[in-house]
């Protein structure tokens, strides 16, 4: 059960993200690129019977692509993909459609919270991250998802707060990204207690989740 203190904290997290808004935050040099969107799915996870924790927390859902995939094989990412004509130029529609196709997430269960600043992928796509809150939370639990085996090998969840703790970042470096631009490359090595596996979260995915976490836990 969520306590009154936890409820206030969740309200603060959701408010911080909602205040960021859903309006476009597109960098000028991204406007001519092909478009893609990703969904950053947040949900409340309650402690299991075997957990030492007595409280619930906001988690973020990730997927891992199949090892034999030509593009991004074995990499951890968010549900998402390129914009299709059927999306009518809407970045949010793209993110919701792709999440439904990849992990079976019902778009009607996604509360749209925020649109993050666009970022250019290594394949020169203009990627728009859309942050969504999933209710009921069971709909986002990895064990309850219907994974598209052609696109997703595994799904797992990480506490969002994990990404605001500097000690959890295995490495950080500044690299050149595109023409006269720099990119902070973070890498996280997350030991998933559910599967017993370690997942490497890095690159664009790590950049986006770090930004979302910083915004969610900011003190206004």
C-alpha atoms as a PDB file:
ATOM      1  CA  UNK A   1       0.000   0.000   0.000  1.00  0.00           C
ATOM      2  CA  UNK A   2       1.239   3.483  -0.833  1.00  0.00           C
ATOM      3  CA  UNK A   3       1.673   5.692   2.239  1.00  0.00           C
ATOM      4  CA  UNK A   4       0.683   9.358   2.369  1.00  0.00           C
ATOM      5  CA  UNK A   5       4.365  10.344   2.199  1.00  0.00           C
ATOM      6  CA  UNK A   6       4.951   8.148  -0.856  1.00  0.00           C
ATOM      7  CA  UNK A   7       1.819   9.515  -2.513  1.00  0.00           C
ATOM      8  CA  UNK A   8       3.095  13.077  -2.101  1.00  0.00           C
ATOM      9  CA  UNK A   9       6.435  12.052  -3.559  1.00  0.00           C
ATOM     10  CA  UNK A  10       4.807  10.389  -6.566  1.00  0.00           C
ATOM     11  CA  UNK A  11       2.642  13.431  -7.074  1.00  0.00           C
ATOM     12  CA  UNK A  12       5.782  15.578  -7.069  1.00  0.00           C
ATOM     13  CA  UNK A  13       7.469  13.322  -9.639  1.00  0.00           C
ATOM     14  CA  UNK A  14       4.456  13.321 -11.957  1.00  0.00           C
ATOM     15  CA  UNK A  15       3.959  17.057 -11.509  1.00  0.00           C
ATOM     16  CA  UNK A  16       7.591  17.811 -12.382  1.00  0.00           C
ATOM     17  CA  UNK A  17       7.282  15.790 -15.574  1.00  0.00           C
ATOM     18  CA  UNK A  18       3.870  17.204 -16.486  1.00  0.00           C
ATOM     19  CA  UNK A  19       5.112  20.773 -16.057  1.00  0.00           C
ATOM     20  CA  UNK A  20       7.772  20.029 -18.671  1.00  0.00           C
ATOM     21  CA  UNK A  21       4.861  19.784 -21.071  1.00  0.00           C
ATOM     22  CA  UNK A  22       4.054  17.949 -24.289  1.00  0.00           C
ATOM     23  CA  UNK A  23       4.929  20.805 -26.635  1.00  0.00           C
ATOM     24  CA  UNK A  24       7.673  20.193 -29.189  1.00  0.00           C
ATOM     25  CA  UNK A  25      11.249  20.753 -28.020  1.00  0.00           C
ATOM     26  CA  UNK A  26      13.007  20.272 -31.318  1.00  0.00           C
ATOM     27  CA  UNK A  27      16.524  21.447 -32.024  1.00  0.00           C
ATOM     28  CA  UNK A  28      16.788  23.370 -35.296  1.00  0.00           C
ATOM     29  CA  UNK A  29      19.420  21.079 -36.816  1.00  0.00           C
ATOM     30  CA  UNK A  30      17.098  18.074 -36.292  1.00  0.00           C
ATOM     31  CA  UNK A  31      14.221  19.399 -38.377  1.00  0.00           C
ATOM     32  CA  UNK A  32      15.414  17.900 -41.672  1.00  0.00           C
ATOM     33  CA  UNK A  33      16.177  14.445 -40.257  1.00  0.00           C
ATOM     34  CA  UNK A  34      13.970  11.374 -40.540  1.00  0.00           C
ATOM     35  CA  UNK A  35      11.745  11.106 -37.481  1.00  0.00           C
ATOM     36  CA  UNK A  36      11.479   8.441 -34.783  1.00  0.00           C
ATOM     37  CA  UNK A  37       9.968   8.301 -31.300  1.00  0.00           C
ATOM     38  CA  UNK A  38      10.537   6.318 -28.123  1.00  0.00           C
ATOM     39  CA  UNK A  39       8.251   5.791 -25.144  1.00  0.00           C
ATOM     40  CA  UNK A  40       9.765   6.088 -21.661  1.00  0.00           C
ATOM     41  CA  UNK A  41       7.225   3.996 -19.683  1.00  0.00           C
ATOM     42  CA  UNK A  42       7.012   4.720 -15.950  1.00  0.00           C
ATOM     43  CA  UNK A  43       4.955   2.678 -13.507  1.00  0.00           C
ATOM     44  CA  UNK A  44       4.580   2.071  -9.786  1.00  0.00           C
ATOM     45  CA  UNK A  45       6.054  -1.219  -8.619  1.00  0.00           C
ATOM     46  CA  UNK A  46       5.024  -2.677  -5.300  1.00  0.00           C
ATOM     47  CA  UNK A  47       7.496  -4.778  -3.283  1.00  0.00           C
ATOM     48  CA  UNK A  48       7.300  -8.541  -3.755  1.00  0.00           C
ATOM     49  CA  UNK A  49       6.829 -10.966  -0.878  1.00  0.00           C
ATOM     50  CA  UNK A  50      10.568 -11.705  -0.897  1.00  0.00           C
ATOM     51  CA  UNK A  51      11.610  -8.061  -1.076  1.00  0.00           C
ATOM     52  CA  UNK A  52      13.348  -6.371   1.843  1.00  0.00           C
ATOM     53  CA  UNK A  53      11.700  -3.091   0.869  1.00  0.00           C
ATOM     54  CA  UNK A  54       8.413  -2.141   2.510  1.00  0.00           C
ATOM     55  CA  UNK A  55       7.514   0.640   0.081  1.00  0.00           C
ATOM     56  CA  UNK A  56       6.691   0.945  -3.588  1.00  0.00           C
ATOM     57  CA  UNK A  57       8.656   3.022  -6.088  1.00  0.00           C
ATOM     58  CA  UNK A  58       8.463   4.442  -9.590  1.00  0.00           C
ATOM     59  CA  UNK A  59      10.174   2.155 -12.097  1.00  0.00           C
ATOM     60  CA  UNK A  60      11.053   2.629 -15.749  1.00  0.00           C
ATOM     61  CA  UNK A  61      10.578  -0.127 -18.313  1.00  0.00           C
ATOM     62  CA  UNK A  62      13.358  -1.096 -20.722  1.00  0.00           C
ATOM     63  CA  UNK A  63      13.637  -3.663 -23.492  1.00  0.00           C
ATOM     64  CA  UNK A  64      16.577  -5.518 -24.975  1.00  0.00           C
ATOM     65  CA  UNK A  65      16.754  -6.168 -28.684  1.00  0.00           C
ATOM     66  CA  UNK A  66      17.507  -9.684 -29.996  1.00  0.00           C
ATOM     67  CA  UNK A  67      21.208 -10.454 -30.396  1.00  0.00           C
ATOM     68  CA  UNK A  68      20.803 -11.330 -34.076  1.00  0.00           C
ATOM     69  CA  UNK A  69      19.039  -8.086 -35.039  1.00  0.00           C
ATOM     70  CA  UNK A  70      20.883  -6.159 -37.772  1.00  0.00           C
ATOM     71  CA  UNK A  71      20.324  -2.806 -36.065  1.00  0.00           C
ATOM     72  CA  UNK A  72      21.266  -2.360 -32.376  1.00  0.00           C
ATOM     73  CA  UNK A  73      21.538  -6.120 -31.798  1.00  0.00           C
ATOM     74  CA  UNK A  74      21.503  -6.973 -28.078  1.00  0.00           C
ATOM     75  CA  UNK A  75      21.267  -3.345 -26.992  1.00  0.00           C
ATOM     76  CA  UNK A  76      19.022  -2.060 -24.212  1.00  0.00           C
ATOM     77  CA  UNK A  77      16.525   0.523 -25.407  1.00  0.00           C
ATOM     78  CA  UNK A  78      13.046   1.942 -24.951  1.00  0.00           C
ATOM     79  CA  UNK A  79      10.071   0.798 -27.022  1.00  0.00           C
ATOM     80  CA  UNK A  80      10.090   2.891 -30.158  1.00  0.00           C
ATOM     81  CA  UNK A  81      10.947   3.215 -33.817  1.00  0.00           C
ATOM     82  CA  UNK A  82      10.637   5.214 -36.999  1.00  0.00           C
ATOM     83  CA  UNK A  83       7.597   7.302 -37.774  1.00  0.00           C
ATOM     84  CA  UNK A  84       5.180   5.718 -40.262  1.00  0.00           C
ATOM     85  CA  UNK A  85       2.832   7.553 -42.657  1.00  0.00           C
ATOM     86  CA  UNK A  86      -0.122   6.269 -40.603  1.00  0.00           C
ATOM     87  CA  UNK A  87       1.141   8.340 -37.636  1.00  0.00           C
ATOM     88  CA  UNK A  88       0.232  11.556 -39.503  1.00  0.00           C
ATOM     89  CA  UNK A  89       3.396  13.290 -38.353  1.00  0.00           C
ATOM     90  CA  UNK A  90       2.556  12.863 -34.641  1.00  0.00           C
ATOM     91  CA  UNK A  91       5.535  11.893 -32.474  1.00  0.00           C
ATOM     92  CA  UNK A  92       3.295  10.731 -29.607  1.00  0.00           C
ATOM     93  CA  UNK A  93       1.309   8.460 -31.905  1.00  0.00           C
ATOM     94  CA  UNK A  94       4.557   6.898 -33.134  1.00  0.00           C
ATOM     95  CA  UNK A  95       5.760   6.179 -29.594  1.00  0.00           C
ATOM     96  CA  UNK A  96       2.453   4.619 -28.518  1.00  0.00           C
ATOM     97  CA  UNK A  97       2.104   2.539 -31.682  1.00  0.00           C
ATOM     98  CA  UNK A  98       5.634   1.174 -31.405  1.00  0.00           C
ATOM     99  CA  UNK A  99       5.187   0.292 -27.717  1.00  0.00           C
ATOM    100  CA  UNK A 100       2.021  -1.588 -28.581  1.00  0.00           C
ATOM    101  CA  UNK A 101       3.717  -3.456 -31.428  1.00  0.00           C
ATOM    102  CA  UNK A 102       6.852  -4.335 -29.451  1.00  0.00           C
ATOM    103  CA  UNK A 103       5.562  -5.207 -25.973  1.00  0.00           C
ATOM    104  CA  UNK A 104       1.762  -5.187 -26.292  1.00  0.00           C
ATOM    105  CA  UNK A 105       1.289  -2.052 -24.184  1.00  0.00           C
ATOM    106  CA  UNK A 106      -2.257  -0.705 -24.569  1.00  0.00           C
ATOM    107  CA  UNK A 107      -2.053   2.994 -25.629  1.00  0.00           C
ATOM    108  CA  UNK A 108      -5.184   3.800 -23.603  1.00  0.00           C
ATOM    109  CA  UNK A 109      -3.319   2.884 -20.392  1.00  0.00           C
ATOM    110  CA  UNK A 110      -0.567   5.455 -21.008  1.00  0.00           C
ATOM    111  CA  UNK A 111      -0.915   8.846 -19.342  1.00  0.00           C
ATOM    112  CA  UNK A 112       1.168  11.165 -21.521  1.00  0.00           C
ATOM    113  CA  UNK A 113       3.332  13.265 -19.206  1.00  0.00           C
ATOM    114  CA  UNK A 114       6.137  14.964 -21.095  1.00  0.00           C
ATOM    115  CA  UNK A 115       7.955  15.351 -24.369  1.00  0.00           C
ATOM    116  CA  UNK A 116      11.729  15.579 -23.955  1.00  0.00           C
ATOM    117  CA  UNK A 117      14.150  17.463 -26.182  1.00  0.00           C
ATOM    118  CA  UNK A 118      14.911  15.722 -29.465  1.00  0.00           C
ATOM    119  CA  UNK A 119      18.180  13.875 -29.858  1.00  0.00           C
ATOM    120  CA  UNK A 120      20.003  12.689 -32.973  1.00  0.00           C
ATOM    121  CA  UNK A 121      20.669   8.946 -33.125  1.00  0.00           C
ATOM    122  CA  UNK A 122      23.844   7.424 -34.552  1.00  0.00           C
ATOM    123  CA  UNK A 123      21.808   6.581 -37.662  1.00  0.00           C
ATOM    124  CA  UNK A 124      20.867  10.263 -38.127  1.00  0.00           C
ATOM    125  CA  UNK A 125      17.285   9.983 -36.890  1.00  0.00           C
ATOM    126  CA  UNK A 126      15.562  12.789 -34.996  1.00  0.00           C
ATOM    127  CA  UNK A 127      14.373  10.872 -31.917  1.00  0.00           C
ATOM    128  CA  UNK A 128      11.606  12.300 -29.721  1.00  0.00           C
ATOM    129  CA  UNK A 129      11.296  10.745 -26.233  1.00  0.00           C
ATOM    130  CA  UNK A 130       7.749  10.687 -24.831  1.00  0.00           C
ATOM    131  CA  UNK A 131       7.386  10.027 -21.098  1.00  0.00           C
ATOM    132  CA  UNK A 132       4.270   8.113 -20.068  1.00  0.00           C
ATOM    133  CA  UNK A 133       2.859   6.825 -16.783  1.00  0.00           C
ATOM    134  CA  UNK A 134       1.189   3.405 -16.980  1.00  0.00           C
ATOM    135  CA  UNK A 135      -1.938   2.552 -15.007  1.00  0.00           C
ATOM    136  CA  UNK A 136      -2.708  -0.014 -13.819  1.00  0.00           C
ATOM    137  CA  UNK A 137       0.972  -0.708 -13.085  1.00  0.00           C
ATOM    138  CA  UNK A 138       0.540  -4.417 -13.770  1.00  0.00           C
ATOM    139  CA  UNK A 139       0.179  -3.531 -17.466  1.00  0.00           C
ATOM    140  CA  UNK A 140       3.859  -2.509 -17.546  1.00  0.00           C
ATOM    141  CA  UNK A 141       5.266  -5.358 -15.479  1.00  0.00           C
ATOM    142  CA  UNK A 142       7.766  -7.248 -17.681  1.00  0.00           C
ATOM    143  CA  UNK A 143       6.209 -10.618 -16.792  1.00  0.00           C
ATOM    144  CA  UNK A 144       2.811  -9.405 -18.034  1.00  0.00           C
ATOM    145  CA  UNK A 145       3.947  -8.041 -21.403  1.00  0.00           C
ATOM    146  CA  UNK A 146       3.488  -9.718 -24.763  1.00  0.00           C
ATOM    147  CA  UNK A 147       6.919  -9.408 -26.360  1.00  0.00           C
ATOM    148  CA  UNK A 148       7.307  -9.303 -30.135  1.00  0.00           C
ATOM    149  CA  UNK A 149      10.123 -11.853 -30.469  1.00  0.00           C
ATOM    150  CA  UNK A 150      11.244 -10.318 -33.763  1.00  0.00           C
ATOM    151  CA  UNK A 151      12.036  -7.025 -32.021  1.00  0.00           C
ATOM    152  CA  UNK A 152      12.379  -7.734 -28.291  1.00  0.00           C
ATOM    153  CA  UNK A 153      14.388 -10.418 -26.509  1.00  0.00           C
ATOM    154  CA  UNK A 154      13.764  -9.308 -22.935  1.00  0.00           C
ATOM    155  CA  UNK A 155      12.078  -6.646 -20.820  1.00  0.00           C
ATOM    156  CA  UNK A 156      13.061  -5.447 -17.372  1.00  0.00           C
ATOM    157  CA  UNK A 157      12.426  -2.551 -14.993  1.00  0.00           C
ATOM    158  CA  UNK A 158      14.746  -0.286 -13.000  1.00  0.00           C
ATOM    159  CA  UNK A 159      13.863   2.161 -10.201  1.00  0.00           C
ATOM    160  CA  UNK A 160      13.865   5.628 -11.784  1.00  0.00           C
ATOM    161  CA  UNK A 161      15.748   6.949  -8.759  1.00  0.00           C
ATOM    162  CA  UNK A 162      18.668   4.658  -9.669  1.00  0.00           C
ATOM    163  CA  UNK A 163      19.628   7.104 -12.420  1.00  0.00           C
ATOM    164  CA  UNK A 164      20.092  10.140 -10.175  1.00  0.00           C
ATOM    165  CA  UNK A 165      22.715   8.402  -8.040  1.00  0.00           C
ATOM    166  CA  UNK A 166      26.208   9.111  -9.348  1.00  0.00           C
ATOM    167  CA  UNK A 167      27.610   5.905  -7.858  1.00  0.00           C
ATOM    168  CA  UNK A 168      25.410   3.836 -10.180  1.00  0.00           C
ATOM    169  CA  UNK A 169      27.058   5.256 -13.304  1.00  0.00           C
ATOM    170  CA  UNK A 170      29.816   2.816 -14.309  1.00  0.00           C
ATOM    171  CA  UNK A 171      31.458   5.284 -16.688  1.00  0.00           C
ATOM    172  CA  UNK A 172      30.971   8.736 -18.149  1.00  0.00           C
ATOM    173  CA  UNK A 173      32.800  10.464 -20.975  1.00  0.00           C
ATOM    174  CA  UNK A 174      32.294  13.359 -23.357  1.00  0.00           C
ATOM    175  CA  UNK A 175      32.444  12.459 -27.048  1.00  0.00           C
ATOM    176  CA  UNK A 176      32.040  14.328 -30.327  1.00  0.00           C
ATOM    177  CA  UNK A 177      28.549  13.829 -31.754  1.00  0.00           C
ATOM    178  CA  UNK A 178      27.807  15.195 -35.177  1.00  0.00           C
ATOM    179  CA  UNK A 179      29.277  18.473 -36.382  1.00  0.00           C
ATOM    180  CA  UNK A 180      30.797  20.612 -33.636  1.00  0.00           C
ATOM    181  CA  UNK A 181      28.608  19.031 -30.938  1.00  0.00           C
ATOM    182  CA  UNK A 182      29.446  17.127 -27.784  1.00  0.00           C
ATOM    183  CA  UNK A 183      27.553  14.263 -26.159  1.00  0.00           C
ATOM    184  CA  UNK A 184      27.879  12.968 -22.603  1.00  0.00           C
ATOM    185  CA  UNK A 185      28.103   9.183 -22.851  1.00  0.00           C
ATOM    186  CA  UNK A 186      26.922   7.426 -19.686  1.00  0.00           C
ATOM    187  CA  UNK A 187      27.001   3.688 -19.027  1.00  0.00           C
ATOM    188  CA  UNK A 188      25.067   1.861 -16.318  1.00  0.00           C
ATOM    189  CA  UNK A 189      25.478  -1.823 -15.446  1.00  0.00           C
ATOM    190  CA  UNK A 190      22.215  -2.862 -13.804  1.00  0.00           C
ATOM    191  CA  UNK A 191      21.920  -6.184 -11.973  1.00  0.00           C
ATOM    192  CA  UNK A 192      18.293  -7.198 -12.413  1.00  0.00           C
ATOM    193  CA  UNK A 193      17.034  -9.095  -9.347  1.00  0.00           C
ATOM    194  CA  UNK A 194      14.084 -10.505 -11.289  1.00  0.00           C
ATOM    195  CA  UNK A 195      16.066 -12.303 -14.007  1.00  0.00           C
ATOM    196  CA  UNK A 196      19.477 -12.527 -12.372  1.00  0.00           C
ATOM    197  CA  UNK A 197      20.987 -10.896 -15.453  1.00  0.00           C
ATOM    198  CA  UNK A 198      23.131  -7.805 -15.808  1.00  0.00           C
ATOM    199  CA  UNK A 199      22.008  -5.269 -18.404  1.00  0.00           C
ATOM    200  CA  UNK A 200      24.212  -2.588 -19.950  1.00  0.00           C
ATOM    201  CA  UNK A 201      22.320   0.682 -20.351  1.00  0.00           C
ATOM    202  CA  UNK A 202      24.293   3.208 -22.355  1.00  0.00           C
ATOM    203  CA  UNK A 203      24.312   5.666 -25.253  1.00  0.00           C
ATOM    204  CA  UNK A 204      21.104   7.421 -26.243  1.00  0.00           C
ATOM    205  CA  UNK A 205      19.017   5.302 -23.863  1.00  0.00           C
ATOM    206  CA  UNK A 206      21.160   6.195 -20.842  1.00  0.00           C
ATOM    207  CA  UNK A 207      21.176   9.852 -21.883  1.00  0.00           C
ATOM    208  CA  UNK A 208      17.385   9.999 -22.066  1.00  0.00           C
ATOM    209  CA  UNK A 209      16.661   8.153 -18.811  1.00  0.00           C
ATOM    210  CA  UNK A 210      19.204  10.301 -16.957  1.00  0.00           C
ATOM    211  CA  UNK A 211      17.467  13.455 -18.233  1.00  0.00           C
ATOM    212  CA  UNK A 212      14.043  12.103 -17.243  1.00  0.00           C
ATOM    213  CA  UNK A 213      15.254  11.143 -13.757  1.00  0.00           C
ATOM    214  CA  UNK A 214      16.894  14.528 -13.200  1.00  0.00           C
ATOM    215  CA  UNK A 215      13.668  16.271 -14.190  1.00  0.00           C
ATOM    216  CA  UNK A 216      11.432  13.940 -12.158  1.00  0.00           C
ATOM    217  CA  UNK A 217      13.368  14.400  -8.917  1.00  0.00           C
ATOM    218  CA  UNK A 218      14.186  18.090  -9.300  1.00  0.00           C
ATOM    219  CA  UNK A 219      13.139  20.439  -6.509  1.00  0.00           C
ATOM    220  CA  UNK A 220      11.109  23.313  -7.837  1.00  0.00           C
END
